[in-house]
Each structure stands twice: as structure tokens, then as C-alpha cells.
Amino acid sequence: SYDVHFGTSNPPPLLGNVAGNSTLVSATLNAGTTYYWSVTAKNSTGATPSSVWSFTTAAPIGPAPPTLAY
């Protein structure tokens, strides 16, 4: 099985546990935010954590510039 850690803090909190071909779904991502994630593989002989990885979502797109009428 695998413990999946995901969040905006480092180290990331536990999101959930998956086994086999299970799927784990997280909440919607926010624009301009850095997220951290890691996976810990677990079996009967112990657990092996991965490194912590990160990614940053794109900054929000602002409103369109005003149109000038003549």
C-alpha cells in the first residue's frame, strides 16, 4: 500500500492511503499556489518514504484591460 501526502506545507500532510490500482482524488487546486507531495511505500517488512516534491500552479489571470471607445 501507499501513503500519499499532499498539501501546501512542507512536509505535506497525509492525504490518504491507496492499495493496488486504487485512485485517490484531491480537492481543486488554487492558482498561484505551491503544493508539496510525497509517497510512502509500505509492506509487511516496513515503509520507505520518497523525497518531497513540489510544483506551483500558474498565477491567476487578471481581468481583460478596458476597451476605450472614441
PDB file of N, CA and C in Angstrom:
ATOM      1  N   SER A   1       0.846  -1.180   0.000  1.00  0.00           N
ATOM      2  CA  SER A   1       0.000   0.000   0.000  1.00  0.00           C
ATOM      3  C   SER A   1       0.889   1.240   0.000  1.00  0.00           C
ATOM      4  N   TYR A   2       0.268   2.374  -0.194  1.00  0.00           N
ATOM      5  CA  TYR A   2       0.996   3.641  -0.285  1.00  0.00           C
ATOM      6  C   TYR A   2       0.280   4.712   0.518  1.00  0.00           C
ATOM      7  N   ASP A   3       1.042   5.462   1.298  1.00  0.00           N
ATOM      8  CA  ASP A   3       0.509   6.660   1.946  1.00  0.00           C
ATOM      9  C   ASP A   3       0.858   7.832   1.047  1.00  0.00           C
ATOM     10  N   VAL A   4      -0.146   8.597   0.673  1.00  0.00           N
ATOM     11  CA  VAL A   4       0.060   9.751  -0.194  1.00  0.00           C
ATOM     12  C   VAL A   4      -0.073  11.010   0.654  1.00  0.00           C
ATOM     13  N   HIS A   5       0.955  11.833   0.603  1.00  0.00           N
ATOM     14  CA  HIS A   5       0.980  13.091   1.351  1.00  0.00           C
ATOM     15  C   HIS A   5       0.886  14.231   0.340  1.00  0.00           C
ATOM     16  N   PHE A   6       0.015  15.195   0.628  1.00  0.00           N
ATOM     17  CA  PHE A   6      -0.201  16.285  -0.321  1.00  0.00           C
ATOM     18  C   PHE A   6      -0.735  17.499   0.413  1.00  0.00           C
ATOM     19  N   GLY A   7      -0.183  18.678   0.104  1.00  0.00           N
ATOM     20  CA  GLY A   7      -0.701  19.894   0.706  1.00  0.00           C
ATOM     21  C   GLY A   7       0.190  21.087   0.420  1.00  0.00           C
ATOM     22  N   THR A   8      -0.126  22.195   1.059  1.00  0.00           N
ATOM     23  CA  THR A   8       0.599  23.446   0.830  1.00  0.00           C
ATOM     24  C   THR A   8       1.704  23.675   1.849  1.00  0.00           C
ATOM     25  N   SER A   9       1.942  22.726   2.754  1.00  0.00           N
ATOM     26  CA  SER A   9       3.032  22.862   3.720  1.00  0.00           C
ATOM     27  C   SER A   9       4.069  21.770   3.463  1.00  0.00           C
ATOM     28  N   ASN A  10       5.295  22.034   3.896  1.00  0.00           N
ATOM     29  CA  ASN A  10       6.376  21.075   3.742  1.00  0.00           C
ATOM     30  C   ASN A  10       6.912  20.736   5.121  1.00  0.00           C
ATOM     31  N   PRO A  11       6.777  19.499   5.585  1.00  0.00           N
ATOM     32  CA  PRO A  11       6.301  18.331   4.851  1.00  0.00           C
ATOM     33  C   PRO A  11       4.784  18.347   4.705  1.00  0.00           C
ATOM     34  N   PRO A  12       4.283  17.732   3.625  1.00  0.00           N
ATOM     35  CA  PRO A  12       2.844  17.729   3.375  1.00  0.00           C
ATOM     36  C   PRO A  12       2.107  16.750   4.292  1.00  0.00           C
ATOM     37  N   PRO A  13       0.866  17.073   4.637  1.00  0.00           N
ATOM     38  CA  PRO A  13       0.078  16.181   5.485  1.00  0.00           C
ATOM     39  C   PRO A  13      -0.396  14.949   4.705  1.00  0.00           C
ATOM     40  N   LEU A  14      -0.794  13.912   5.434  1.00  0.00           N
ATOM     41  CA  LEU A  14      -1.323  12.697   4.823  1.00  0.00           C
ATOM     42  C   LEU A  14      -2.654  13.001   4.139  1.00  0.00           C
ATOM     43  N   LEU A  15      -2.741  12.687   2.856  1.00  0.00           N
ATOM     44  CA  LEU A  15      -3.988  12.845   2.107  1.00  0.00           C
ATOM     45  C   LEU A  15      -4.819  11.573   2.208  1.00  0.00           C
ATOM     46  N   GLY A  16      -4.144  10.410   2.113  1.00  0.00           N
ATOM     47  CA  GLY A  16      -4.860   9.144   2.214  1.00  0.00           C
ATOM     48  C   GLY A  16      -3.955   7.978   1.899  1.00  0.00           C
ATOM     49  N   ASN A  17      -4.532   6.773   1.966  1.00  0.00           N
ATOM     50  CA  ASN A  17      -3.805   5.542   1.708  1.00  0.00           C
ATOM     51  C   ASN A  17      -4.438   4.846   0.520  1.00  0.00           C
ATOM     52  N   VAL A  18      -3.613   4.335  -0.376  1.00  0.00           N
ATOM     53  CA  VAL A  18      -4.117   3.595  -1.532  1.00  0.00           C
ATOM     54  C   VAL A  18      -3.431   2.242  -1.604  1.00  0.00           C
ATOM     55  N   ALA A  19      -4.152   1.283  -2.161  1.00  0.00           N
ATOM     56  CA  ALA A  19      -3.603  -0.059  -2.339  1.00  0.00           C
ATOM     57  C   ALA A  19      -3.943  -0.529  -3.744  1.00  0.00           C
ATOM     58  N   GLY A  20      -3.012  -1.245  -4.361  1.00  0.00           N
ATOM     59  CA  GLY A  20      -3.256  -1.776  -5.697  1.00  0.00           C
ATOM     60  C   GLY A  20      -3.485  -0.680  -6.712  1.00  0.00           C
ATOM     61  N   ASN A  21      -4.545  -0.812  -7.488  1.00  0.00           N
ATOM     62  CA  ASN A  21      -4.861   0.155  -8.545  1.00  0.00           C
ATOM     63  C   ASN A  21      -5.875   1.195  -8.086  1.00  0.00           C
ATOM     64  N   SER A  22      -5.913   1.489  -6.811  1.00  0.00           N
ATOM     65  CA  SER A  22      -6.859   2.469  -6.278  1.00  0.00           C
ATOM     66  C   SER A  22      -6.556   3.868  -6.796  1.00  0.00           C
ATOM     67  N   THR A  23      -7.553   4.728  -6.711  1.00  0.00           N
ATOM     68  CA  THR A  23      -7.410   6.123  -7.111  1.00  0.00           C
ATOM     69  C   THR A  23      -7.677   7.010  -5.908  1.00  0.00           C
ATOM     70  N   LEU A  24      -6.873   8.037  -5.760  1.00  0.00           N
ATOM     71  CA  LEU A  24      -7.046   8.995  -4.678  1.00  0.00           C
ATOM     72  C   LEU A  24      -7.205  10.366  -5.305  1.00  0.00           C
ATOM     73  N   VAL A  25      -8.292  11.064  -4.989  1.00  0.00           N
ATOM     74  CA  VAL A  25      -8.583  12.359  -5.602  1.00  0.00           C
ATOM     75  C   VAL A  25      -8.492  13.439  -4.540  1.00  0.00           C
ATOM     76  N   SER A  26      -7.843  14.546  -4.908  1.00  0.00           N
ATOM     77  CA  SER A  26      -7.699  15.676  -4.002  1.00  0.00           C
ATOM     78  C   SER A  26      -8.668  16.781  -4.387  1.00  0.00           C
ATOM     79  N   ALA A  27      -8.698  17.824  -3.581  1.00  0.00           N
ATOM     80  CA  ALA A  27      -9.557  18.976  -3.836  1.00  0.00           C
ATOM     81  C   ALA A  27      -9.030  19.790  -5.018  1.00  0.00           C
ATOM     82  N   THR A  28      -9.796  20.765  -5.431  1.00  0.00           N
ATOM     83  CA  THR A  28      -9.402  21.677  -6.501  1.00  0.00           C
ATOM     84  C   THR A  28      -8.140  22.440  -6.105  1.00  0.00           C
ATOM     85  N   LEU A  29      -7.265  22.659  -7.065  1.00  0.00           N
ATOM     86  CA  LEU A  29      -6.038  23.406  -6.810  1.00  0.00           C
ATOM     87  C   LEU A  29      -6.288  24.904  -6.969  1.00  0.00           C
ATOM     88  N   ASN A  30      -5.589  25.703  -6.168  1.00  0.00           N
ATOM     89  CA  ASN A  30      -5.712  27.160  -6.241  1.00  0.00           C
ATOM     90  C   ASN A  30      -4.614  27.739  -7.122  1.00  0.00           C
ATOM     91  N   ALA A  31      -4.918  28.804  -7.838  1.00  0.00           N
ATOM     92  CA  ALA A  31      -3.943  29.473  -8.706  1.00  0.00           C
ATOM     93  C   ALA A  31      -2.855  30.136  -7.868  1.00  0.00           C
ATOM     94  N   GLY A  32      -1.627  30.140  -8.416  1.00  0.00           N
ATOM     95  CA  GLY A  32      -0.520  30.821  -7.758  1.00  0.00           C
ATOM     96  C   GLY A  32      -0.128  30.218  -6.424  1.00  0.00           C
ATOM     97  N   THR A  33      -0.278  28.904  -6.271  1.00  0.00           N
ATOM     98  CA  THR A  33      -0.022  28.235  -5.003  1.00  0.00           C
ATOM     99  C   THR A  33       1.004  27.124  -5.190  1.00  0.00           C
ATOM    100  N   THR A  34       1.921  26.996  -4.248  1.00  0.00           N
ATOM    101  CA  THR A  34       2.886  25.903  -4.272  1.00  0.00           C
ATOM    102  C   THR A  34       2.330  24.732  -3.474  1.00  0.00           C
ATOM    103  N   TYR A  35       2.384  23.550  -4.082  1.00  0.00           N
ATOM    104  CA  TYR A  35       1.924  22.319  -3.445  1.00  0.00           C
ATOM    105  C   TYR A  35       3.096  21.361  -3.289  1.00  0.00           C
ATOM    106  N   TYR A  36       3.064  20.580  -2.228  1.00  0.00           N
ATOM    107  CA  TYR A  36       4.093  19.594  -1.934  1.00  0.00           C
ATOM    108  C   TYR A  36       3.447  18.219  -1.891  1.00  0.00           C
ATOM    109  N   TRP A  37       4.203  17.197  -2.332  1.00  0.00           N
ATOM    110  CA  TRP A  37       3.672  15.839  -2.280  1.00  0.00           C
ATOM    111  C   TRP A  37       4.795  14.829  -2.108  1.00  0.00           C
ATOM    112  N   SER A  38       4.444  13.701  -1.512  1.00  0.00           N
ATOM    113  CA  SER A  38       5.367  12.590  -1.352  1.00  0.00           C
ATOM    114  C   SER A  38       4.548  11.308  -1.221  1.00  0.00           C
ATOM    115  N   VAL A  39       5.228  10.192  -1.390  1.00  0.00           N
ATOM    116  CA  VAL A  39       4.580   8.887  -1.298  1.00  0.00           C
ATOM    117  C   VAL A  39       5.434   7.990  -0.414  1.00  0.00           C
ATOM    118  N   THR A  40       4.795   7.271   0.495  1.00  0.00           N
ATOM    119  CA  THR A  40       5.494   6.292   1.323  1.00  0.00           C
ATOM    120  C   THR A  40       4.990   4.914   0.947  1.00  0.00           C
ATOM    121  N   ALA A  41       5.892   4.069   0.439  1.00  0.00           N
ATOM    122  CA  ALA A  41       5.539   2.683   0.099  1.00  0.00           C
ATOM    123  C   ALA A  41       5.616   1.850   1.374  1.00  0.00           C
ATOM    124  N   LYS A  42       4.578   1.020   1.605  1.00  0.00           N
ATOM    125  CA  LYS A  42       4.516   0.230   2.827  1.00  0.00           C
ATOM    126  C   LYS A  42       4.233  -1.231   2.484  1.00  0.00           C
ATOM    127  N   ASN A  43       4.905  -2.146   3.206  1.00  0.00           N
ATOM    128  CA  ASN A  43       4.580  -3.566   3.105  1.00  0.00           C
ATOM    129  C   ASN A  43       4.867  -4.221   4.448  1.00  0.00           C
ATOM    130  N   SER A  44       4.835  -5.534   4.492  1.00  0.00           N
ATOM    131  CA  SER A  44       4.985  -6.241   5.767  1.00  0.00           C
ATOM    132  C   SER A  44       6.364  -6.083   6.391  1.00  0.00           C
ATOM    133  N   THR A  45       7.358  -5.657   5.617  1.00  0.00           N
ATOM    134  CA  THR A  45       8.705  -5.504   6.173  1.00  0.00           C
ATOM    135  C   THR A  45       9.042  -4.068   6.559  1.00  0.00           C
ATOM    136  N   GLY A  46       8.150  -3.109   6.269  1.00  0.00           N
ATOM    137  CA  GLY A  46       8.418  -1.734   6.667  1.00  0.00           C
ATOM    138  C   GLY A  46       7.868  -0.712   5.701  1.00  0.00           C
ATOM    139  N   ALA A  47       8.405   0.488   5.801  1.00  0.00           N
ATOM    140  CA  ALA A  47       7.938   1.613   4.978  1.00  0.00           C
ATOM    141  C   ALA A  47       9.141   2.369   4.433  1.00  0.00           C
ATOM    142  N   THR A  48       9.006   2.837   3.190  1.00  0.00           N
ATOM    143  CA  THR A  48      10.068   3.615   2.553  1.00  0.00           C
ATOM    144  C   THR A  48       9.467   4.908   2.005  1.00  0.00           C
ATOM    145  N   PRO A  49       9.809   6.049   2.612  1.00  0.00           N
ATOM    146  CA  PRO A  49       9.277   7.324   2.121  1.00  0.00           C
ATOM    147  C   PRO A  49      10.062   7.831   0.916  1.00  0.00           C
ATOM    148  N   SER A  50       9.375   8.555   0.052  1.00  0.00           N
ATOM    149  CA  SER A  50      10.033   9.208  -1.083  1.00  0.00           C
ATOM    150  C   SER A  50      10.550  10.565  -0.640  1.00  0.00           C
ATOM    151  N   SER A  51      11.219  11.224  -1.536  1.00  0.00           N
ATOM    152  CA  SER A  51      11.549  12.630  -1.330  1.00  0.00           C
ATOM    153  C   SER A  51      10.257  13.432  -1.378  1.00  0.00           C
ATOM    154  N   VAL A  52      10.318  14.682  -0.949  1.00  0.00           N
ATOM    155  CA  VAL A  52       9.173  15.583  -1.083  1.00  0.00           C
ATOM    156  C   VAL A  52       9.383  16.385  -2.363  1.00  0.00           C
ATOM    157  N   TRP A  53       8.388  16.351  -3.234  1.00  0.00           N
ATOM    158  CA  TRP A  53       8.429  17.112  -4.475  1.00  0.00           C
ATOM    159  C   TRP A  53       7.457  18.272  -4.381  1.00  0.00           C
ATOM    160  N   SER A  54       7.618  19.257  -5.249  1.00  0.00           N
ATOM    161  CA  SER A  54       6.696  20.394  -5.242  1.00  0.00           C
ATOM    162  C   SER A  54       6.431  20.871  -6.658  1.00  0.00           C
ATOM    163  N   PHE A  55       5.333  21.585  -6.797  1.00  0.00           N
ATOM    164  CA  PHE A  55       5.000  22.274  -8.038  1.00  0.00           C
ATOM    165  C   PHE A  55       4.190  23.501  -7.681  1.00  0.00           C
ATOM    166  N   THR A  56       4.198  24.486  -8.558  1.00  0.00           N
ATOM    167  CA  THR A  56       3.432  25.713  -8.336  1.00  0.00           C
ATOM    168  C   THR A  56       2.462  25.902  -9.483  1.00  0.00           C
ATOM    169  N   THR A  57       1.209  26.147  -9.148  1.00  0.00           N
ATOM    170  CA  THR A  57       0.204  26.394 -10.175  1.00  0.00           C
ATOM    171  C   THR A  57       0.397  27.799 -10.747  1.00  0.00           C
ATOM    172  N   ALA A  58      -0.093  28.019 -11.948  1.00  0.00           N
ATOM    173  CA  ALA A  58       0.051  29.313 -12.614  1.00  0.00           C
ATOM    174  C   ALA A  58      -0.680  30.397 -11.828  1.00  0.00           C
ATOM    175  N   ALA A  59      -0.147  31.609 -11.915  1.00  0.00           N
ATOM    176  CA  ALA A  59      -0.776  32.753 -11.260  1.00  0.00           C
ATOM    177  C   ALA A  59      -2.141  33.011 -11.894  1.00  0.00           C
ATOM    178  N   PRO A  60      -3.061  33.577 -11.126  1.00  0.00           N
ATOM    179  CA  PRO A  60      -4.375  33.857 -11.696  1.00  0.00           C
ATOM    180  C   PRO A  60      -4.286  34.867 -12.840  1.00  0.00           C
ATOM    181  N   ILE A  61      -5.156  34.697 -13.783  1.00  0.00           N
ATOM    182  CA  ILE A  61      -5.232  35.621 -14.914  1.00  0.00           C
ATOM    183  C   ILE A  61      -6.158  36.760 -14.521  1.00  0.00           C
ATOM    184  N   GLY A  62      -5.663  37.971 -14.638  1.00  0.00           N
ATOM    185  CA  GLY A  62      -6.449  39.142 -14.239  1.00  0.00           C
ATOM    186  C   GLY A  62      -7.521  39.473 -15.269  1.00  0.00           C
ATOM    187  N   PRO A  63      -8.336  40.467 -14.959  1.00  0.00           N
ATOM    188  CA  PRO A  63      -9.380  40.867 -15.905  1.00  0.00           C
ATOM    189  C   PRO A  63      -8.768  41.467 -17.178  1.00  0.00           C
ATOM    190  N   ALA A  64      -9.513  41.418 -18.242  1.00  0.00           N
ATOM    191  CA  ALA A  64      -9.065  41.993 -19.518  1.00  0.00           C
ATOM    192  C   ALA A  64      -8.928  43.510 -19.370  1.00  0.00           C
ATOM    193  N   PRO A  65      -7.978  44.113 -20.067  1.00  0.00           N
ATOM    194  CA  PRO A  65      -7.842  45.576 -19.981  1.00  0.00           C
ATOM    195  C   PRO A  65      -9.094  46.247 -20.539  1.00  0.00           C
ATOM    196  N   PRO A  66      -9.395  47.441 -20.059  1.00  0.00           N
ATOM    197  CA  PRO A  66     -10.598  48.118 -20.529  1.00  0.00           C
ATOM    198  C   PRO A  66     -10.502  48.494 -22.013  1.00  0.00           C
ATOM    199  N   THR A  67     -11.630  48.502 -22.648  1.00  0.00           N
ATOM    200  CA  THR A  67     -11.708  48.922 -24.056  1.00  0.00           C
ATOM    201  C   THR A  67     -12.026  50.394 -24.095  1.00  0.00           C
ATOM    202  N   LEU A  68     -11.259  51.145 -24.846  1.00  0.00           N
ATOM    203  CA  LEU A  68     -11.505  52.587 -24.966  1.00  0.00           C
ATOM    204  C   LEU A  68     -12.372  52.852 -26.191  1.00  0.00           C
ATOM    205  N   ALA A  69     -13.426  53.620 -25.985  1.00  0.00           N
ATOM    206  CA  ALA A  69     -14.317  53.981 -27.085  1.00  0.00           C
ATOM    207  C   ALA A  69     -14.067  55.439 -27.446  1.00  0.00           C
ATOM    208  N   TYR A  70     -14.033  55.748 -28.760  1.00  0.00           N
ATOM    209  CA  TYR A  70     -13.802  57.116 -29.227  1.00  0.00           C
ATOM    210  C   TYR A  70     -15.063  57.700 -29.775  1.00  0.00           C
TER     211      TYR A  70
END
